PDB file of N, CA and C in Angstrom:
ATOM      1  N   MET A   1      45.648 -34.411   1.224  1.00  0.00           N
ATOM      2  CA  MET A   1      44.275 -34.523   0.747  1.00  0.00           C
ATOM      3  C   MET A   1      44.288 -34.822  -0.749  1.00  0.00           C
ATOM      4  N   THR A   2      43.329 -35.604  -1.134  1.00  0.00           N
ATOM      5  CA  THR A   2      43.196 -35.891  -2.551  1.00  0.00           C
ATOM      6  C   THR A   2      42.487 -34.719  -3.234  1.00  0.00           C
ATOM      7  N   SER A   3      42.556 -34.706  -4.549  1.00  0.00           N
ATOM      8  CA  SER A   3      41.887 -33.622  -5.286  1.00  0.00           C
ATOM      9  C   SER A   3      40.370 -33.686  -5.093  1.00  0.00           C
ATOM     10  N   LYS A   4      39.829 -34.890  -4.963  1.00  0.00           N
ATOM     11  CA  LYS A   4      38.388 -35.036  -4.742  1.00  0.00           C
ATOM     12  C   LYS A   4      37.999 -34.486  -3.363  1.00  0.00           C
ATOM     13  N   GLU A   5      38.817 -34.730  -2.364  1.00  0.00           N
ATOM     14  CA  GLU A   5      38.545 -34.203  -1.030  1.00  0.00           C
ATOM     15  C   GLU A   5      38.633 -32.680  -1.019  1.00  0.00           C
ATOM     16  N   LEU A   6      39.587 -32.135  -1.727  1.00  0.00           N
ATOM     17  CA  LEU A   6      39.711 -30.680  -1.821  1.00  0.00           C
ATOM     18  C   LEU A   6      38.501 -30.059  -2.506  1.00  0.00           C
ATOM     19  N   LEU A   7      37.976 -30.750  -3.514  1.00  0.00           N
ATOM     20  CA  LEU A   7      36.768 -30.260  -4.183  1.00  0.00           C
ATOM     21  C   LEU A   7      35.583 -30.268  -3.224  1.00  0.00           C
ATOM     22  N   TYR A   8      35.513 -31.295  -2.375  1.00  0.00           N
ATOM     23  CA  TYR A   8      34.440 -31.354  -1.388  1.00  0.00           C
ATOM     24  C   TYR A   8      34.540 -30.179  -0.415  1.00  0.00           C
ATOM     25  N   VAL A   9      35.742 -29.931   0.077  1.00  0.00           N
ATOM     26  CA  VAL A   9      35.945 -28.832   1.020  1.00  0.00           C
ATOM     27  C   VAL A   9      35.614 -27.501   0.345  1.00  0.00           C
ATOM     28  N   ASP A  10      36.034 -27.342  -0.898  1.00  0.00           N
ATOM     29  CA  ASP A  10      35.738 -26.118  -1.643  1.00  0.00           C
ATOM     30  C   ASP A  10      34.227 -25.927  -1.795  1.00  0.00           C
ATOM     31  N   ASP A  11      33.516 -26.995  -2.110  1.00  0.00           N
ATOM     32  CA  ASP A  11      32.054 -26.928  -2.211  1.00  0.00           C
ATOM     33  C   ASP A  11      31.427 -26.566  -0.868  1.00  0.00           C
ATOM     34  N   ALA A  12      31.905 -27.191   0.199  1.00  0.00           N
ATOM     35  CA  ALA A  12      31.358 -26.927   1.535  1.00  0.00           C
ATOM     36  C   ALA A  12      31.580 -25.460   1.919  1.00  0.00           C
ATOM     37  N   LEU A  13      32.772 -24.938   1.636  1.00  0.00           N
ATOM     38  CA  LEU A  13      33.054 -23.533   1.927  1.00  0.00           C
ATOM     39  C   LEU A  13      32.136 -22.616   1.126  1.00  0.00           C
ATOM     40  N   GLY A  14      31.949 -22.944  -0.138  1.00  0.00           N
ATOM     41  CA  GLY A  14      31.073 -22.146  -0.995  1.00  0.00           C
ATOM     42  C   GLY A  14      29.636 -22.144  -0.513  1.00  0.00           C
ATOM     43  N   HIS A  15      29.164 -23.302  -0.071  1.00  0.00           N
ATOM     44  CA  HIS A  15      27.789 -23.388   0.430  1.00  0.00           C
ATOM     45  C   HIS A  15      27.616 -22.570   1.705  1.00  0.00           C
ATOM     46  N   GLU A  16      28.561 -22.685   2.603  1.00  0.00           N
ATOM     47  CA  GLU A  16      28.460 -21.933   3.851  1.00  0.00           C
ATOM     48  C   GLU A  16      28.518 -20.427   3.594  1.00  0.00           C
ATOM     49  N   LYS A  17      29.359 -19.991   2.680  1.00  0.00           N
ATOM     50  CA  LYS A  17      29.451 -18.571   2.347  1.00  0.00           C
ATOM     51  C   LYS A  17      28.125 -18.105   1.730  1.00  0.00           C
ATOM     52  N   TYR A  18      27.550 -18.929   0.854  1.00  0.00           N
ATOM     53  CA  TYR A  18      26.268 -18.592   0.227  1.00  0.00           C
ATOM     54  C   TYR A  18      25.161 -18.468   1.286  1.00  0.00           C
ATOM     55  N   PHE A  19      25.070 -19.457   2.193  1.00  0.00           N
ATOM     56  CA  PHE A  19      24.038 -19.423   3.232  1.00  0.00           C
ATOM     57  C   PHE A  19      24.202 -18.190   4.120  1.00  0.00           C
ATOM     58  N   GLN A  20      25.445 -17.884   4.453  1.00  0.00           N
ATOM     59  CA  GLN A  20      25.721 -16.713   5.282  1.00  0.00           C
ATOM     60  C   GLN A  20      25.252 -15.435   4.582  1.00  0.00           C
ATOM     61  N   THR A  21      25.586 -15.297   3.311  1.00  0.00           N
ATOM     62  CA  THR A  21      25.199 -14.112   2.538  1.00  0.00           C
ATOM     63  C   THR A  21      23.686 -14.005   2.417  1.00  0.00           C
ATOM     64  N   ARG A  22      23.044 -15.115   2.085  1.00  0.00           N
ATOM     65  CA  ARG A  22      21.585 -15.102   1.929  1.00  0.00           C
ATOM     66  C   ARG A  22      20.878 -14.771   3.237  1.00  0.00           C
ATOM     67  N   CYS A  23      21.351 -15.328   4.339  1.00  0.00           N
ATOM     68  CA  CYS A  23      20.733 -15.035   5.639  1.00  0.00           C
ATOM     69  C   CYS A  23      20.844 -13.544   5.953  1.00  0.00           C
ATOM     70  N   ARG A  24      21.991 -12.969   5.688  1.00  0.00           N
ATOM     71  CA  ARG A  24      22.159 -11.538   5.956  1.00  0.00           C
ATOM     72  C   ARG A  24      21.253 -10.695   5.059  1.00  0.00           C
ATOM     73  N   GLU A  25      21.128 -11.096   3.807  1.00  0.00           N
ATOM     74  CA  GLU A  25      20.249 -10.363   2.889  1.00  0.00           C
ATOM     75  C   GLU A  25      18.799 -10.442   3.347  1.00  0.00           C
ATOM     76  N   VAL A  26      18.367 -11.630   3.711  1.00  0.00           N
ATOM     77  CA  VAL A  26      16.983 -11.822   4.150  1.00  0.00           C
ATOM     78  C   VAL A  26      16.737 -11.070   5.459  1.00  0.00           C
ATOM     79  N   ALA A  27      17.671 -11.161   6.393  1.00  0.00           N
ATOM     80  CA  ALA A  27      17.506 -10.478   7.684  1.00  0.00           C
ATOM     81  C   ALA A  27      17.340  -8.977   7.494  1.00  0.00           C
ATOM     82  N   SER A  28      18.051  -8.419   6.538  1.00  0.00           N
ATOM     83  CA  SER A  28      17.950  -6.967   6.327  1.00  0.00           C
ATOM     84  C   SER A  28      16.581  -6.561   5.782  1.00  0.00           C
ATOM     85  N   GLN A  29      15.826  -7.518   5.244  1.00  0.00           N
ATOM     86  CA  GLN A  29      14.523  -7.225   4.672  1.00  0.00           C
ATOM     87  C   GLN A  29      13.365  -7.522   5.632  1.00  0.00           C
ATOM     88  N   LEU A  30      13.663  -8.191   6.734  1.00  0.00           N
ATOM     89  CA  LEU A  30      12.606  -8.579   7.666  1.00  0.00           C
ATOM     90  C   LEU A  30      12.232  -7.419   8.576  1.00  0.00           C
ATOM     91  N   GLU A  31      10.941  -7.303   8.837  1.00  0.00           N
ATOM     92  CA  GLU A  31      10.436  -6.232   9.687  1.00  0.00           C
ATOM     93  C   GLU A  31      10.147  -6.699  11.109  1.00  0.00           C
ATOM     94  N   ILE A  32       9.963  -7.979  11.294  1.00  0.00           N
ATOM     95  CA  ILE A  32       9.675  -8.529  12.623  1.00  0.00           C
ATOM     96  C   ILE A  32      11.009  -8.739  13.352  1.00  0.00           C
ATOM     97  N   PRO A  33      11.232  -7.996  14.434  1.00  0.00           N
ATOM     98  CA  PRO A  33      12.534  -8.050  15.122  1.00  0.00           C
ATOM     99  C   PRO A  33      12.961  -9.454  15.565  1.00  0.00           C
ATOM    100  N   GLU A  34      12.015 -10.233  16.081  1.00  0.00           N
ATOM    101  CA  GLU A  34      12.353 -11.578  16.553  1.00  0.00           C
ATOM    102  C   GLU A  34      12.814 -12.469  15.407  1.00  0.00           C
ATOM    103  N   LEU A  35      12.126 -12.362  14.285  1.00  0.00           N
ATOM    104  CA  LEU A  35      12.485 -13.160  13.115  1.00  0.00           C
ATOM    105  C   LEU A  35      13.818 -12.693  12.543  1.00  0.00           C
ATOM    106  N   ARG A  36      14.012 -11.370  12.491  1.00  0.00           N
ATOM    107  CA  ARG A  36      15.277 -10.816  12.001  1.00  0.00           C
ATOM    108  C   ARG A  36      16.440 -11.314  12.858  1.00  0.00           C
ATOM    109  N   SER A  37      16.242 -11.298  14.168  1.00  0.00           N
ATOM    110  CA  SER A  37      17.279 -11.757  15.090  1.00  0.00           C
ATOM    111  C   SER A  37      17.611 -13.238  14.869  1.00  0.00           C
ATOM    112  N   CYS A  38      16.597 -14.032  14.665  1.00  0.00           N
ATOM    113  CA  CYS A  38      16.786 -15.469  14.416  1.00  0.00           C
ATOM    114  C   CYS A  38      17.610 -15.698  13.147  1.00  0.00           C
ATOM    115  N   VAL A  39      17.267 -14.991  12.093  1.00  0.00           N
ATOM    116  CA  VAL A  39      17.977 -15.162  10.821  1.00  0.00           C
ATOM    117  C   VAL A  39      19.408 -14.618  10.929  1.00  0.00           C
ATOM    118  N   GLN A  40      19.601 -13.561  11.694  1.00  0.00           N
ATOM    119  CA  GLN A  40      20.952 -13.047  11.921  1.00  0.00           C
ATOM    120  C   GLN A  40      21.794 -14.072  12.681  1.00  0.00           C
ATOM    121  N   GLN A  41      21.179 -14.760  13.612  1.00  0.00           N
ATOM    122  CA  GLN A  41      21.890 -15.819  14.340  1.00  0.00           C
ATOM    123  C   GLN A  41      22.261 -16.958  13.403  1.00  0.00           C
ATOM    124  N   MET A  42      21.381 -17.261  12.464  1.00  0.00           N
ATOM    125  CA  MET A  42      21.689 -18.294  11.470  1.00  0.00           C
ATOM    126  C   MET A  42      22.902 -17.881  10.629  1.00  0.00           C
ATOM    127  N   ALA A  43      22.959 -16.606  10.250  1.00  0.00           N
ATOM    128  CA  ALA A  43      24.097 -16.101   9.473  1.00  0.00           C
ATOM    129  C   ALA A  43      25.382 -16.241  10.277  1.00  0.00           C
ATOM    130  N   GLN A  44      25.318 -15.917  11.556  1.00  0.00           N
ATOM    131  CA  GLN A  44      26.501 -16.046  12.410  1.00  0.00           C
ATOM    132  C   GLN A  44      26.939 -17.496  12.537  1.00  0.00           C
ATOM    133  N   ARG A  45      25.972 -18.391  12.626  1.00  0.00           N
ATOM    134  CA  ARG A  45      26.294 -19.825  12.731  1.00  0.00           C
ATOM    135  C   ARG A  45      26.970 -20.310  11.457  1.00  0.00           C
ATOM    136  N   HIS A  46      26.469 -19.881  10.308  1.00  0.00           N
ATOM    137  CA  HIS A  46      27.096 -20.289   9.041  1.00  0.00           C
ATOM    138  C   HIS A  46      28.503 -19.699   8.925  1.00  0.00           C
ATOM    139  N   GLU A  47      28.705 -18.513   9.480  1.00  0.00           N
ATOM    140  CA  GLU A  47      30.053 -17.926   9.484  1.00  0.00           C
ATOM    141  C   GLU A  47      30.990 -18.771  10.346  1.00  0.00           C
ATOM    142  N   GLN A  48      30.500 -19.240  11.496  1.00  0.00           N
ATOM    143  CA  GLN A  48      31.305 -20.100  12.370  1.00  0.00           C
ATOM    144  C   GLN A  48      31.654 -21.412  11.674  1.00  0.00           C
ATOM    145  N   ILE A  49      30.675 -21.990  10.996  1.00  0.00           N
ATOM    146  CA  ILE A  49      30.910 -23.249  10.277  1.00  0.00           C
ATOM    147  C   ILE A  49      31.944 -23.034   9.186  1.00  0.00           C
ATOM    148  N   PHE A  50      31.823 -21.910   8.447  1.00  0.00           N
ATOM    149  CA  PHE A  50      32.786 -21.584   7.398  1.00  0.00           C
ATOM    150  C   PHE A  50      34.196 -21.516   7.991  1.00  0.00           C
ATOM    151  N   LYS A  51      34.323 -20.808   9.114  1.00  0.00           N
ATOM    152  CA  LYS A  51      35.640 -20.667   9.747  1.00  0.00           C
ATOM    153  C   LYS A  51      36.185 -22.005  10.222  1.00  0.00           C
ATOM    154  N   SER A  52      35.300 -22.872  10.703  1.00  0.00           N
ATOM    155  CA  SER A  52      35.734 -24.206  11.135  1.00  0.00           C
ATOM    156  C   SER A  52      36.261 -25.021   9.970  1.00  0.00           C
ATOM    157  N   PHE A  53      35.510 -25.030   8.872  1.00  0.00           N
ATOM    158  CA  PHE A  53      35.970 -25.734   7.666  1.00  0.00           C
ATOM    159  C   PHE A  53      37.293 -25.166   7.191  1.00  0.00           C
ATOM    160  N   TYR A  54      37.380 -23.848   7.142  1.00  0.00           N
ATOM    161  CA  TYR A  54      38.587 -23.176   6.649  1.00  0.00           C
ATOM    162  C   TYR A  54      39.771 -23.491   7.566  1.00  0.00           C
ATOM    163  N   GLY A  55      39.491 -23.560   8.853  1.00  0.00           N
ATOM    164  CA  GLY A  55      40.544 -23.879   9.820  1.00  0.00           C
ATOM    165  C   GLY A  55      41.122 -25.274   9.648  1.00  0.00           C
ATOM    166  N   LEU A  56      40.353 -26.169   9.045  1.00  0.00           N
ATOM    167  CA  LEU A  56      40.844 -27.529   8.810  1.00  0.00           C
ATOM    168  C   LEU A  56      41.926 -27.561   7.734  1.00  0.00           C
ATOM    169  N   LEU A  57      41.956 -26.532   6.920  1.00  0.00           N
ATOM    170  CA  LEU A  57      42.964 -26.498   5.857  1.00  0.00           C
ATOM    171  C   LEU A  57      44.275 -26.068   6.444  1.00  0.00           C
TER     172      LEU A  57
END
């Protein structure tokens, strides 16, 4: 991989980690169970994406 490609992967990993963290933070503040569940699922999806990107390395 070139250094530019590695920077892209690093950015992608950082974004997915950020989205995962934010979703978990927001879900913990939601009072509507259905909405909380939806946002928790989003956090899990971002965790899966993070692992997929990381697995490519």
